[in-house]
Amino acid sequence: MSSLGNSNNIFWQECPVGKLERQKLINQKGCVVWITGLSGSGKSTLAFSLNRQLFSRGKLSYVLDGDNLRHGLNKDLGFSAEDRTENIRRVGEVAKLFADAGMICIASLISPYRKDRDACRAMLPDSNFIEVFMNTPLSLCESRDPKGLYKLARAGKIKGFTGIDDPYEPPLQCEIELQQIDGVCPTPTAMGGQVVSYLEEKGYLEDQ
């Protein structure tokens, strides 16, 4: 019988080096930037642009990309509602560890269900969860279709595809919403810069 989920006879071990000490060592404040949106909305593009911009400012960040994680940590999971929930839970727990280490963790996942994103937000103290909504119209995402998945979904070859026959629940109170301006998508650099400005304003990039 599997013992998955059991937590008997285990005890939390306190680390002698605290979170504030770690943040002071690398001179920044840990947080999670959670980028959500439809497939093809530009999540990964934003994540890696933001990662590069923070690096150029001497700030340490790491990208947890949804597709990349399914090659390792989450390779045992499918795309049922239950597996998607577990996928997001695992990523949330890993992101929490990165933030606790003092890093800026950039999580880029479709994460279609609001309750799962809210559960990840609840894992972090002090409002250190920054939700970024890539509010890109389905029609534009489908026209991009960088992986050819929308075409397969429309042909019925992929079932339960977000935005086609499975719902995407947009955030109700995200910290940052990125969308077209007069029908034109901002550049990755501009979008990354908007997130950097938010982090700067909220004190995550200040000397600790």
N, C-alpha and C. Protein backbone atom coordinates (compact mmCIF):
# COMPACT_ATOMS: atom_id res chain seq x y z
N MET A 1 0.84 -1.20 0.00
CA MET A 1 0.00 0.00 0.00
C MET A 1 0.88 1.25 0.00
N SER A 2 0.53 2.21 -0.85
CA SER A 2 1.32 3.44 -0.93
C SER A 2 1.16 4.27 0.34
N SER A 3 2.26 4.90 0.74
CA SER A 3 2.22 5.78 1.91
C SER A 3 2.19 7.24 1.49
N LEU A 4 1.95 7.50 0.17
CA LEU A 4 1.92 8.87 -0.31
C LEU A 4 0.88 9.68 0.46
N GLY A 5 1.30 10.80 0.98
CA GLY A 5 0.39 11.66 1.72
C GLY A 5 0.46 11.46 3.22
N ASN A 6 1.05 10.35 3.66
CA ASN A 6 1.18 10.14 5.10
C ASN A 6 2.28 11.04 5.67
N SER A 7 2.06 11.54 6.86
CA SER A 7 3.06 12.42 7.48
C SER A 7 3.24 12.08 8.95
N ASN A 8 3.13 10.80 9.29
CA ASN A 8 3.32 10.39 10.67
C ASN A 8 4.80 10.20 10.97
N ASN A 9 5.17 10.49 12.19
CA ASN A 9 6.53 10.24 12.68
C ASN A 9 7.61 10.99 11.91
N ILE A 10 7.27 12.18 11.40
CA ILE A 10 8.29 13.04 10.81
C ILE A 10 8.22 14.39 11.52
N PHE A 11 9.35 15.06 11.57
CA PHE A 11 9.46 16.29 12.36
C PHE A 11 10.18 17.36 11.56
N TRP A 12 9.71 18.59 11.70
CA TRP A 12 10.34 19.72 11.01
C TRP A 12 11.67 20.06 11.67
N GLN A 13 12.72 20.18 10.86
CA GLN A 13 14.04 20.53 11.36
C GLN A 13 14.35 21.98 11.02
N GLU A 14 14.58 22.78 12.02
CA GLU A 14 14.88 24.20 11.80
C GLU A 14 16.31 24.37 11.32
N CYS A 15 16.47 25.21 10.30
CA CYS A 15 17.81 25.52 9.77
C CYS A 15 18.45 26.62 10.60
N PRO A 16 19.73 26.50 10.94
CA PRO A 16 20.38 27.53 11.75
C PRO A 16 20.61 28.85 11.00
N VAL A 17 20.55 28.80 9.67
CA VAL A 17 20.67 30.01 8.86
C VAL A 17 19.28 30.42 8.42
N GLY A 18 18.86 31.62 8.82
CA GLY A 18 17.49 32.05 8.57
C GLY A 18 17.29 32.73 7.22
N LYS A 19 16.02 32.91 6.87
CA LYS A 19 15.66 33.51 5.59
C LYS A 19 16.24 34.91 5.43
N LEU A 20 16.17 35.72 6.46
CA LEU A 20 16.70 37.08 6.36
C LEU A 20 18.20 37.07 6.15
N GLU A 21 18.89 36.13 6.75
CA GLU A 21 20.33 36.01 6.55
C GLU A 21 20.65 35.62 5.11
N ARG A 22 19.86 34.73 4.54
CA ARG A 22 20.08 34.32 3.16
C ARG A 22 19.82 35.49 2.21
N GLN A 23 18.76 36.24 2.48
CA GLN A 23 18.44 37.38 1.62
C GLN A 23 19.52 38.44 1.68
N LYS A 24 20.07 38.63 2.87
CA LYS A 24 21.14 39.61 3.01
C LYS A 24 22.40 39.18 2.27
N LEU A 25 22.65 37.88 2.26
CA LEU A 25 23.84 37.34 1.59
C LEU A 25 23.81 37.62 0.09
N ILE A 26 22.63 37.45 -0.54
CA ILE A 26 22.54 37.67 -1.98
C ILE A 26 21.90 39.02 -2.34
N ASN A 27 21.61 39.81 -1.32
CA ASN A 27 21.21 41.21 -1.50
C ASN A 27 19.91 41.37 -2.31
N GLN A 28 18.92 40.59 -1.97
CA GLN A 28 17.62 40.72 -2.60
C GLN A 28 16.59 40.02 -1.71
N LYS A 29 15.32 40.20 -2.06
CA LYS A 29 14.25 39.59 -1.28
C LYS A 29 13.58 38.49 -2.10
N GLY A 30 13.45 37.32 -1.52
CA GLY A 30 12.85 36.19 -2.23
C GLY A 30 11.36 36.36 -2.45
N CYS A 31 10.89 35.89 -3.61
CA CYS A 31 9.47 35.93 -3.93
C CYS A 31 9.19 34.96 -5.08
N VAL A 32 7.92 34.78 -5.38
CA VAL A 32 7.51 33.97 -6.52
C VAL A 32 6.74 34.85 -7.49
N VAL A 33 7.21 34.89 -8.73
CA VAL A 33 6.47 35.54 -9.82
C VAL A 33 5.79 34.43 -10.61
N TRP A 34 4.48 34.33 -10.48
CA TRP A 34 3.73 33.23 -11.08
C TRP A 34 3.05 33.73 -12.35
N ILE A 35 3.51 33.27 -13.51
CA ILE A 35 2.98 33.71 -14.79
C ILE A 35 1.97 32.68 -15.30
N THR A 36 0.74 33.12 -15.50
CA THR A 36 -0.34 32.22 -15.93
C THR A 36 -0.99 32.75 -17.19
N GLY A 37 -1.52 31.84 -17.99
CA GLY A 37 -2.21 32.22 -19.23
C GLY A 37 -2.33 31.03 -20.14
N LEU A 38 -3.04 31.21 -21.23
CA LEU A 38 -3.26 30.14 -22.18
C LEU A 38 -1.95 29.70 -22.84
N SER A 39 -1.98 28.51 -23.42
CA SER A 39 -0.86 28.06 -24.24
C SER A 39 -0.69 29.04 -25.40
N GLY A 40 0.54 29.48 -25.63
CA GLY A 40 0.79 30.44 -26.70
C GLY A 40 0.61 31.89 -26.32
N SER A 41 0.32 32.15 -25.04
CA SER A 41 0.08 33.54 -24.61
C SER A 41 1.37 34.32 -24.41
N GLY A 42 2.51 33.61 -24.35
CA GLY A 42 3.79 34.30 -24.18
C GLY A 42 4.40 34.15 -22.80
N LYS A 43 3.93 33.18 -22.05
CA LYS A 43 4.42 32.99 -20.67
C LYS A 43 5.92 32.73 -20.62
N SER A 44 6.37 31.74 -21.38
CA SER A 44 7.79 31.38 -21.35
C SER A 44 8.65 32.51 -21.88
N THR A 45 8.17 33.18 -22.92
CA THR A 45 8.91 34.32 -23.49
C THR A 45 9.11 35.39 -22.43
N LEU A 46 8.05 35.71 -21.71
CA LEU A 46 8.15 36.69 -20.63
C LEU A 46 9.09 36.20 -19.54
N ALA A 47 8.94 34.94 -19.15
CA ALA A 47 9.74 34.40 -18.05
C ALA A 47 11.23 34.52 -18.34
N PHE A 48 11.64 34.17 -19.55
CA PHE A 48 13.06 34.19 -19.86
C PHE A 48 13.57 35.61 -20.10
N SER A 49 12.71 36.50 -20.59
CA SER A 49 13.09 37.90 -20.71
C SER A 49 13.28 38.52 -19.34
N LEU A 50 12.35 38.22 -18.42
CA LEU A 50 12.46 38.72 -17.05
C LEU A 50 13.71 38.17 -16.38
N ASN A 51 13.97 36.89 -16.57
CA ASN A 51 15.17 36.25 -16.02
C ASN A 51 16.43 36.96 -16.48
N ARG A 52 16.51 37.30 -17.77
CA ARG A 52 17.68 37.98 -18.32
C ARG A 52 17.80 39.40 -17.78
N GLN A 53 16.68 40.10 -17.66
CA GLN A 53 16.73 41.48 -17.16
C GLN A 53 17.18 41.52 -15.70
N LEU A 54 16.69 40.58 -14.90
CA LEU A 54 17.12 40.53 -13.50
C LEU A 54 18.60 40.18 -13.40
N PHE A 55 19.05 39.24 -14.23
CA PHE A 55 20.46 38.86 -14.24
C PHE A 55 21.34 40.06 -14.57
N SER A 56 20.90 40.87 -15.54
CA SER A 56 21.70 42.04 -15.94
C SER A 56 21.79 43.07 -14.83
N ARG A 57 20.87 42.99 -13.87
CA ARG A 57 20.89 43.91 -12.72
C ARG A 57 21.57 43.27 -11.51
N GLY A 58 22.13 42.10 -11.71
CA GLY A 58 22.84 41.44 -10.62
C GLY A 58 21.92 40.75 -9.63
N LYS A 59 20.70 40.40 -10.07
CA LYS A 59 19.73 39.75 -9.20
C LYS A 59 19.56 38.30 -9.63
N LEU A 60 19.49 37.43 -8.64
CA LEU A 60 19.44 35.99 -8.90
C LEU A 60 18.00 35.51 -9.00
N SER A 61 17.67 34.92 -10.15
CA SER A 61 16.33 34.36 -10.35
C SER A 61 16.46 33.02 -11.05
N TYR A 62 15.37 32.25 -11.00
CA TYR A 62 15.36 30.94 -11.66
C TYR A 62 13.97 30.69 -12.22
N VAL A 63 13.92 30.16 -13.45
CA VAL A 63 12.65 29.90 -14.11
C VAL A 63 12.23 28.45 -13.92
N LEU A 64 11.02 28.26 -13.43
CA LEU A 64 10.38 26.95 -13.39
C LEU A 64 9.36 26.93 -14.53
N ASP A 65 9.72 26.32 -15.64
CA ASP A 65 8.86 26.29 -16.81
C ASP A 65 8.02 25.02 -16.80
N GLY A 66 6.73 25.17 -17.04
CA GLY A 66 5.81 24.04 -16.96
C GLY A 66 6.20 22.87 -17.83
N ASP A 67 6.56 23.12 -19.08
CA ASP A 67 6.95 22.05 -19.98
C ASP A 67 8.24 21.38 -19.51
N ASN A 68 9.20 22.20 -19.10
CA ASN A 68 10.48 21.64 -18.66
C ASN A 68 10.30 20.74 -17.44
N LEU A 69 9.43 21.14 -16.52
CA LEU A 69 9.22 20.35 -15.31
C LEU A 69 8.57 19.00 -15.60
N ARG A 70 7.82 18.93 -16.68
CA ARG A 70 7.19 17.66 -17.05
C ARG A 70 8.19 16.68 -17.67
N HIS A 71 9.42 17.12 -17.86
CA HIS A 71 10.49 16.20 -18.28
C HIS A 71 11.16 15.54 -17.08
N GLY A 72 10.90 16.07 -15.89
CA GLY A 72 11.57 15.53 -14.71
C GLY A 72 10.65 15.40 -13.52
N LEU A 73 10.57 16.46 -12.73
CA LEU A 73 9.79 16.45 -11.49
C LEU A 73 8.37 15.91 -11.68
N ASN A 74 7.73 16.31 -12.76
CA ASN A 74 6.32 15.97 -12.96
C ASN A 74 6.09 15.06 -14.17
N LYS A 75 7.10 14.29 -14.53
CA LYS A 75 6.96 13.44 -15.72
C LYS A 75 5.98 12.28 -15.50
N ASP A 76 5.60 12.03 -14.26
CA ASP A 76 4.65 10.95 -13.98
C ASP A 76 3.21 11.42 -14.03
N LEU A 77 2.99 12.69 -14.34
CA LEU A 77 1.64 13.25 -14.31
C LEU A 77 1.08 13.44 -15.72
N GLY A 78 -0.23 13.23 -15.85
CA GLY A 78 -0.90 13.47 -17.11
C GLY A 78 -1.60 14.82 -17.09
N PHE A 79 -2.75 14.91 -17.77
CA PHE A 79 -3.44 16.19 -17.89
C PHE A 79 -4.90 16.11 -17.43
N SER A 80 -5.21 15.13 -16.60
CA SER A 80 -6.53 15.12 -15.97
C SER A 80 -6.60 16.27 -14.97
N ALA A 81 -7.81 16.60 -14.54
CA ALA A 81 -7.95 17.69 -13.56
C ALA A 81 -7.15 17.39 -12.31
N GLU A 82 -7.16 16.13 -11.87
CA GLU A 82 -6.43 15.74 -10.66
C GLU A 82 -4.92 15.88 -10.85
N ASP A 83 -4.43 15.44 -12.01
CA ASP A 83 -3.00 15.53 -12.27
C ASP A 83 -2.56 16.97 -12.44
N ARG A 84 -3.40 17.79 -13.03
CA ARG A 84 -3.05 19.21 -13.17
C ARG A 84 -2.96 19.88 -11.81
N THR A 85 -3.87 19.52 -10.94
CA THR A 85 -3.81 20.07 -9.58
C THR A 85 -2.53 19.64 -8.87
N GLU A 86 -2.16 18.38 -9.00
CA GLU A 86 -0.93 17.89 -8.38
C GLU A 86 0.30 18.53 -9.02
N ASN A 87 0.25 18.74 -10.32
CA ASN A 87 1.34 19.42 -11.02
C ASN A 87 1.59 20.80 -10.42
N ILE A 88 0.52 21.55 -10.25
CA ILE A 88 0.65 22.91 -9.71
C ILE A 88 1.06 22.88 -8.25
N ARG A 89 0.54 21.93 -7.49
CA ARG A 89 0.93 21.82 -6.07
C ARG A 89 2.43 21.60 -5.94
N ARG A 90 2.96 20.67 -6.73
CA ARG A 90 4.40 20.40 -6.65
C ARG A 90 5.22 21.62 -7.02
N VAL A 91 4.82 22.29 -8.09
CA VAL A 91 5.57 23.47 -8.52
C VAL A 91 5.48 24.56 -7.45
N GLY A 92 4.32 24.71 -6.84
CA GLY A 92 4.17 25.69 -5.78
C GLY A 92 5.10 25.42 -4.60
N GLU A 93 5.22 24.14 -4.23
CA GLU A 93 6.11 23.78 -3.12
C GLU A 93 7.57 24.06 -3.47
N VAL A 94 7.97 23.76 -4.71
CA VAL A 94 9.35 24.03 -5.14
C VAL A 94 9.60 25.54 -5.20
N ALA A 95 8.63 26.27 -5.75
CA ALA A 95 8.78 27.73 -5.83
C ALA A 95 8.91 28.34 -4.45
N LYS A 96 8.16 27.81 -3.51
CA LYS A 96 8.24 28.29 -2.13
C LYS A 96 9.66 28.11 -1.57
N LEU A 97 10.29 26.99 -1.89
CA LEU A 97 11.66 26.74 -1.41
C LEU A 97 12.64 27.73 -2.03
N PHE A 98 12.48 28.00 -3.33
CA PHE A 98 13.36 28.97 -3.99
C PHE A 98 13.21 30.35 -3.32
N ALA A 99 11.96 30.75 -3.08
CA ALA A 99 11.73 32.06 -2.46
C ALA A 99 12.31 32.11 -1.05
N ASP A 100 12.18 31.00 -0.32
CA ASP A 100 12.72 30.94 1.04
C ASP A 100 14.25 31.03 1.02
N ALA A 101 14.85 30.57 -0.07
CA ALA A 101 16.30 30.66 -0.22
C ALA A 101 16.75 32.08 -0.54
N GLY A 102 15.79 32.96 -0.85
CA GLY A 102 16.11 34.35 -1.15
C GLY A 102 16.10 34.67 -2.63
N MET A 103 15.75 33.69 -3.46
CA MET A 103 15.76 33.90 -4.90
C MET A 103 14.41 34.42 -5.40
N ILE A 104 14.43 35.01 -6.59
CA ILE A 104 13.21 35.40 -7.28
C ILE A 104 12.87 34.23 -8.19
N CYS A 105 11.83 33.49 -7.84
CA CYS A 105 11.44 32.31 -8.59
C CYS A 105 10.36 32.69 -9.59
N ILE A 106 10.62 32.42 -10.86
CA ILE A 106 9.68 32.75 -11.93
C ILE A 106 9.03 31.45 -12.40
N ALA A 107 7.78 31.26 -12.04
CA ALA A 107 7.05 30.04 -12.43
C ALA A 107 6.16 30.35 -13.62
N SER A 108 6.36 29.61 -14.70
CA SER A 108 5.62 29.86 -15.94
C SER A 108 4.81 28.62 -16.30
N LEU A 109 3.51 28.66 -16.01
CA LEU A 109 2.64 27.52 -16.27
C LEU A 109 1.25 28.00 -16.66
N ILE A 110 0.57 27.22 -17.49
CA ILE A 110 -0.82 27.56 -17.82
C ILE A 110 -1.63 27.69 -16.54
N SER A 111 -1.47 26.74 -15.63
CA SER A 111 -2.17 26.72 -14.33
C SER A 111 -3.60 27.23 -14.49
N PRO A 112 -4.45 26.44 -15.16
CA PRO A 112 -5.77 26.94 -15.58
C PRO A 112 -6.79 27.14 -14.47
N TYR A 113 -6.59 26.46 -13.33
CA TYR A 113 -7.63 26.50 -12.30
C TYR A 113 -7.29 27.49 -11.20
N ARG A 114 -8.21 28.37 -10.93
CA ARG A 114 -8.00 29.44 -9.96
C ARG A 114 -7.69 28.91 -8.56
N LYS A 115 -8.38 27.85 -8.17
CA LYS A 115 -8.18 27.31 -6.82
C LYS A 115 -6.75 26.80 -6.64
N ASP A 116 -6.15 26.26 -7.69
CA ASP A 116 -4.79 25.74 -7.59
C ASP A 116 -3.79 26.88 -7.45
N ARG A 117 -3.99 27.95 -8.22
CA ARG A 117 -3.11 29.12 -8.09
C ARG A 117 -3.26 29.76 -6.72
N ASP A 118 -4.50 29.84 -6.24
CA ASP A 118 -4.73 30.42 -4.92
C ASP A 118 -4.08 29.57 -3.82
N ALA A 119 -4.06 28.25 -4.02
CA ALA A 119 -3.42 27.38 -3.04
C ALA A 119 -1.92 27.64 -3.00
N CYS A 120 -1.32 27.92 -4.16
CA CYS A 120 0.11 28.25 -4.18
C CYS A 120 0.37 29.60 -3.51
N ARG A 121 -0.52 30.54 -3.74
CA ARG A 121 -0.39 31.85 -3.08
C ARG A 121 -0.41 31.68 -1.56
N ALA A 122 -1.28 30.81 -1.09
CA ALA A 122 -1.44 30.61 0.36
C ALA A 122 -0.21 29.96 0.99
N MET A 123 0.65 29.35 0.18
CA MET A 123 1.86 28.72 0.71
C MET A 123 2.89 29.75 1.17
N LEU A 124 2.81 30.96 0.60
CA LEU A 124 3.86 31.95 0.85
C LEU A 124 3.43 33.01 1.85
N PRO A 125 4.31 33.37 2.77
CA PRO A 125 3.98 34.43 3.74
C PRO A 125 4.25 35.81 3.16
N ASP A 126 3.73 36.82 3.82
CA ASP A 126 4.08 38.21 3.54
C ASP A 126 3.79 38.65 2.11
N SER A 127 2.77 38.08 1.50
CA SER A 127 2.36 38.49 0.15
C SER A 127 3.49 38.39 -0.87
N ASN A 128 4.31 37.37 -0.74
CA ASN A 128 5.44 37.20 -1.66
C ASN A 128 5.08 36.39 -2.90
N PHE A 129 3.81 36.36 -3.25
CA PHE A 129 3.33 35.68 -4.44
C PHE A 129 2.79 36.74 -5.39
N ILE A 130 3.44 36.87 -6.54
CA ILE A 130 3.08 37.92 -7.51
C ILE A 130 2.51 37.24 -8.74
N GLU A 131 1.21 37.35 -8.92
CA GLU A 131 0.54 36.68 -10.03
C GLU A 131 0.52 37.59 -11.25
N VAL A 132 1.06 37.08 -12.36
CA VAL A 132 1.11 37.83 -13.62
C VAL A 132 0.20 37.12 -14.62
N PHE A 133 -0.82 37.80 -15.06
CA PHE A 133 -1.80 37.22 -15.99
C PHE A 133 -1.48 37.68 -17.42
N MET A 134 -1.13 36.70 -18.27
CA MET A 134 -0.94 36.99 -19.68
C MET A 134 -2.32 36.96 -20.35
N ASN A 135 -2.94 38.11 -20.42
CA ASN A 135 -4.31 38.21 -20.93
C ASN A 135 -4.28 38.33 -22.46
N THR A 136 -3.93 37.23 -23.08
CA THR A 136 -3.81 37.17 -24.54
C THR A 136 -5.05 36.47 -25.10
N PRO A 137 -5.74 37.07 -26.07
CA PRO A 137 -6.96 36.45 -26.61
C PRO A 137 -6.69 35.05 -27.16
N LEU A 138 -7.68 34.18 -26.98
CA LEU A 138 -7.56 32.81 -27.50
C LEU A 138 -7.27 32.82 -28.99
N SER A 139 -7.92 33.73 -29.71
CA SER A 139 -7.72 33.77 -31.17
C SER A 139 -6.26 34.02 -31.53
N LEU A 140 -5.60 34.88 -30.77
CA LEU A 140 -4.18 35.17 -31.03
C LEU A 140 -3.31 33.99 -30.64
N CYS A 141 -3.60 33.40 -29.48
CA CYS A 141 -2.83 32.21 -29.06
C CYS A 141 -2.95 31.10 -30.10
N GLU A 142 -4.17 30.94 -30.62
CA GLU A 142 -4.41 29.87 -31.58
C GLU A 142 -3.73 30.17 -32.91
N SER A 143 -3.66 31.43 -33.27
CA SER A 143 -2.99 31.79 -34.53
C SER A 143 -1.48 31.60 -34.42
N ARG A 144 -0.95 31.78 -33.23
CA ARG A 144 0.47 31.54 -33.01
C ARG A 144 0.76 30.04 -33.02
N ASP A 145 0.04 29.31 -32.18
CA ASP A 145 0.13 27.85 -32.06
C ASP A 145 1.55 27.33 -32.24
N PRO A 146 2.50 27.79 -31.41
CA PRO A 146 3.92 27.45 -31.63
C PRO A 146 4.23 25.96 -31.56
N LYS A 147 3.41 25.21 -30.85
CA LYS A 147 3.66 23.76 -30.70
C LYS A 147 2.69 22.91 -31.51
N GLY A 148 1.79 23.58 -32.24
CA GLY A 148 0.82 22.84 -33.04
C GLY A 148 -0.26 22.15 -32.23
N LEU A 149 -0.41 22.56 -30.97
CA LEU A 149 -1.35 21.86 -30.09
C LEU A 149 -2.80 22.26 -30.34
N TYR A 150 -3.04 23.53 -30.66
CA TYR A 150 -4.41 23.96 -30.93
C TYR A 150 -4.97 23.22 -32.15
N LYS A 151 -4.13 23.06 -33.17
CA LYS A 151 -4.56 22.34 -34.38
C LYS A 151 -4.96 20.91 -34.03
N LEU A 152 -4.15 20.26 -33.18
CA LEU A 152 -4.47 18.90 -32.77
C LEU A 152 -5.74 18.85 -31.93
N ALA A 153 -5.90 19.85 -31.05
CA ALA A 153 -7.10 19.89 -30.20
C ALA A 153 -8.35 20.11 -31.04
N ARG A 154 -8.28 20.99 -32.01
CA ARG A 154 -9.43 21.25 -32.88
C ARG A 154 -9.80 20.02 -33.70
N ALA A 155 -8.77 19.21 -34.00
CA ALA A 155 -9.01 17.99 -34.77
C ALA A 155 -9.46 16.83 -33.89
N GLY A 156 -9.56 17.08 -32.59
CA GLY A 156 -10.00 16.04 -31.67
C GLY A 156 -8.93 15.04 -31.30
N LYS A 157 -7.68 15.35 -31.63
CA LYS A 157 -6.57 14.43 -31.34
C LYS A 157 -5.99 14.65 -29.95
N ILE A 158 -6.32 15.78 -29.32
CA ILE A 158 -5.96 16.05 -27.94
C ILE A 158 -7.24 16.39 -27.19
N LYS A 159 -7.49 15.67 -26.12
CA LYS A 159 -8.69 15.91 -25.32
C LYS A 159 -8.33 16.70 -24.06
N GLY A 160 -9.26 17.50 -23.60
CA GLY A 160 -9.04 18.27 -22.38
C GLY A 160 -8.02 19.36 -22.54
N PHE A 161 -7.98 20.01 -23.71
CA PHE A 161 -6.99 21.06 -23.95
C PHE A 161 -7.52 22.40 -23.48
N THR A 162 -6.74 23.08 -22.66
CA THR A 162 -7.18 24.35 -22.06
C THR A 162 -7.53 25.37 -23.13
N GLY A 163 -8.71 25.94 -23.00
CA GLY A 163 -9.18 26.96 -23.93
C GLY A 163 -10.04 26.40 -25.04
N ILE A 164 -9.95 25.08 -25.27
CA ILE A 164 -10.76 24.45 -26.31
C ILE A 164 -11.87 23.61 -25.70
N ASP A 165 -11.52 22.53 -25.02
CA ASP A 165 -12.56 21.73 -24.36
C ASP A 165 -12.28 21.56 -22.87
N ASP A 166 -11.44 22.41 -22.33
CA ASP A 166 -11.22 22.47 -20.88
C ASP A 166 -11.09 23.94 -20.51
N PRO A 167 -11.64 24.36 -19.38
CA PRO A 167 -11.69 25.80 -19.09
C PRO A 167 -10.37 26.38 -18.62
N TYR A 168 -10.22 27.68 -18.87
CA TYR A 168 -9.17 28.47 -18.23
C TYR A 168 -9.86 29.51 -17.37
N GLU A 169 -9.52 29.55 -16.09
CA GLU A 169 -10.15 30.49 -15.16
C GLU A 169 -9.20 31.65 -14.90
N PRO A 170 -9.46 32.81 -15.48
CA PRO A 170 -8.54 33.95 -15.32
C PRO A 170 -8.50 34.45 -13.88
N PRO A 171 -7.38 35.03 -13.48
CA PRO A 171 -7.29 35.58 -12.12
C PRO A 171 -8.33 36.67 -11.89
N LEU A 172 -8.77 36.79 -10.66
CA LEU A 172 -9.71 37.83 -10.29
C LEU A 172 -9.01 39.05 -9.71
N GLN A 173 -7.87 38.82 -9.05
CA GLN A 173 -7.14 39.94 -8.43
C GLN A 173 -5.63 39.71 -8.57
N CYS A 174 -5.16 39.64 -9.79
CA CYS A 174 -3.72 39.45 -10.00
C CYS A 174 -2.98 40.77 -9.74
N GLU A 175 -1.69 40.64 -9.46
CA GLU A 175 -0.87 41.83 -9.23
C GLU A 175 -0.53 42.56 -10.53
N ILE A 176 -0.33 41.81 -11.60
CA ILE A 176 0.05 42.39 -12.89
C ILE A 176 -0.76 41.71 -13.99
N GLU A 177 -1.33 42.51 -14.88
CA GLU A 177 -2.02 41.98 -16.05
C GLU A 177 -1.37 42.55 -17.30
N LEU A 178 -0.95 41.68 -18.20
CA LEU A 178 -0.28 42.10 -19.43
C LEU A 178 -1.18 41.75 -20.61
N GLN A 179 -1.42 42.73 -21.48
CA GLN A 179 -2.32 42.50 -22.61
C GLN A 179 -1.95 43.41 -23.76
N GLN A 180 -2.64 43.22 -24.88
CA GLN A 180 -2.40 44.05 -26.04
C GLN A 180 -2.77 45.50 -25.76
N ILE A 181 -2.05 46.39 -26.42
CA ILE A 181 -2.36 47.81 -26.35
C ILE A 181 -2.71 48.28 -27.75
N ASP A 182 -3.96 48.69 -27.95
CA ASP A 182 -4.44 49.07 -29.28
C ASP A 182 -4.18 47.97 -30.30
N GLY A 183 -4.39 46.72 -29.87
CA GLY A 183 -4.25 45.60 -30.77
C GLY A 183 -2.83 45.13 -31.01
N VAL A 184 -1.88 45.73 -30.30
CA VAL A 184 -0.47 45.37 -30.49
C VAL A 184 0.08 44.80 -29.19
N CYS A 185 0.76 43.65 -29.29
CA CYS A 185 1.36 43.04 -28.10
C CYS A 185 2.64 43.76 -27.72
N PRO A 186 2.84 44.08 -26.44
CA PRO A 186 4.12 44.66 -26.01
C PRO A 186 5.26 43.69 -26.30
N THR A 187 6.45 44.21 -26.47
CA THR A 187 7.62 43.37 -26.69
C THR A 187 7.96 42.62 -25.41
N PRO A 188 8.67 41.49 -25.53
CA PRO A 188 9.10 40.77 -24.32
C PRO A 188 9.90 41.67 -23.37
N THR A 189 10.74 42.53 -23.93
CA THR A 189 11.53 43.43 -23.10
C THR A 189 10.64 44.39 -22.33
N ALA A 190 9.62 44.91 -23.00
CA ALA A 190 8.70 45.84 -22.34
C ALA A 190 7.91 45.14 -21.24
N MET A 191 7.44 43.94 -21.53
CA MET A 191 6.68 43.20 -20.51
C MET A 191 7.56 42.84 -19.33
N GLY A 192 8.77 42.38 -19.61
CA GLY A 192 9.71 42.07 -18.53
C GLY A 192 10.02 43.30 -17.70
N GLY A 193 10.17 44.42 -18.38
CA GLY A 193 10.45 45.68 -17.68
C GLY A 193 9.33 46.09 -16.76
N GLN A 194 8.09 45.79 -17.15
CA GLN A 194 6.95 46.13 -16.29
C GLN A 194 6.98 45.31 -15.00
N VAL A 195 7.36 44.03 -15.13
CA VAL A 195 7.46 43.19 -13.93
C VAL A 195 8.63 43.64 -13.07
N VAL A 196 9.76 43.97 -13.69
CA VAL A 196 10.92 44.46 -12.94
C VAL A 196 10.54 45.73 -12.17
N SER A 197 9.81 46.63 -12.81
CA SER A 197 9.39 47.87 -12.14
C SER A 197 8.53 47.57 -10.93
N TYR A 198 7.64 46.59 -11.05
CA TYR A 198 6.80 46.20 -9.92
C TYR A 198 7.66 45.66 -8.78
N LEU A 199 8.60 44.78 -9.10
CA LEU A 199 9.48 44.22 -8.07
C LEU A 199 10.29 45.31 -7.39
N GLU A 200 10.73 46.27 -8.18
CA GLU A 200 11.51 47.38 -7.62
C GLU A 200 10.66 48.22 -6.69
N GLU A 201 9.44 48.53 -7.14
CA GLU A 201 8.52 49.34 -6.35
C GLU A 201 8.18 48.70 -5.02
N LYS A 202 8.06 47.36 -5.01
CA LYS A 202 7.68 46.63 -3.81
C LYS A 202 8.87 46.24 -2.93
N GLY A 203 10.07 46.65 -3.35
CA GLY A 203 11.24 46.45 -2.49
C GLY A 203 11.96 45.14 -2.63
N TYR A 204 11.63 44.33 -3.65
CA TYR A 204 12.28 43.02 -3.79
C TYR A 204 13.70 43.14 -4.32
N LEU A 205 14.03 44.25 -4.96
CA LEU A 205 15.37 44.41 -5.54
C LEU A 205 16.26 45.32 -4.70
N GLU A 206 15.74 45.80 -3.58
CA GLU A 206 16.51 46.69 -2.72
C GLU A 206 17.59 45.94 -1.97
N ASP A 207 18.64 46.65 -1.58
CA ASP A 207 19.67 46.07 -0.74
C ASP A 207 19.05 45.63 0.58
N GLN A 208 19.39 44.41 1.00
CA GLN A 208 18.81 43.86 2.21
C GLN A 208 19.77 44.05 3.40
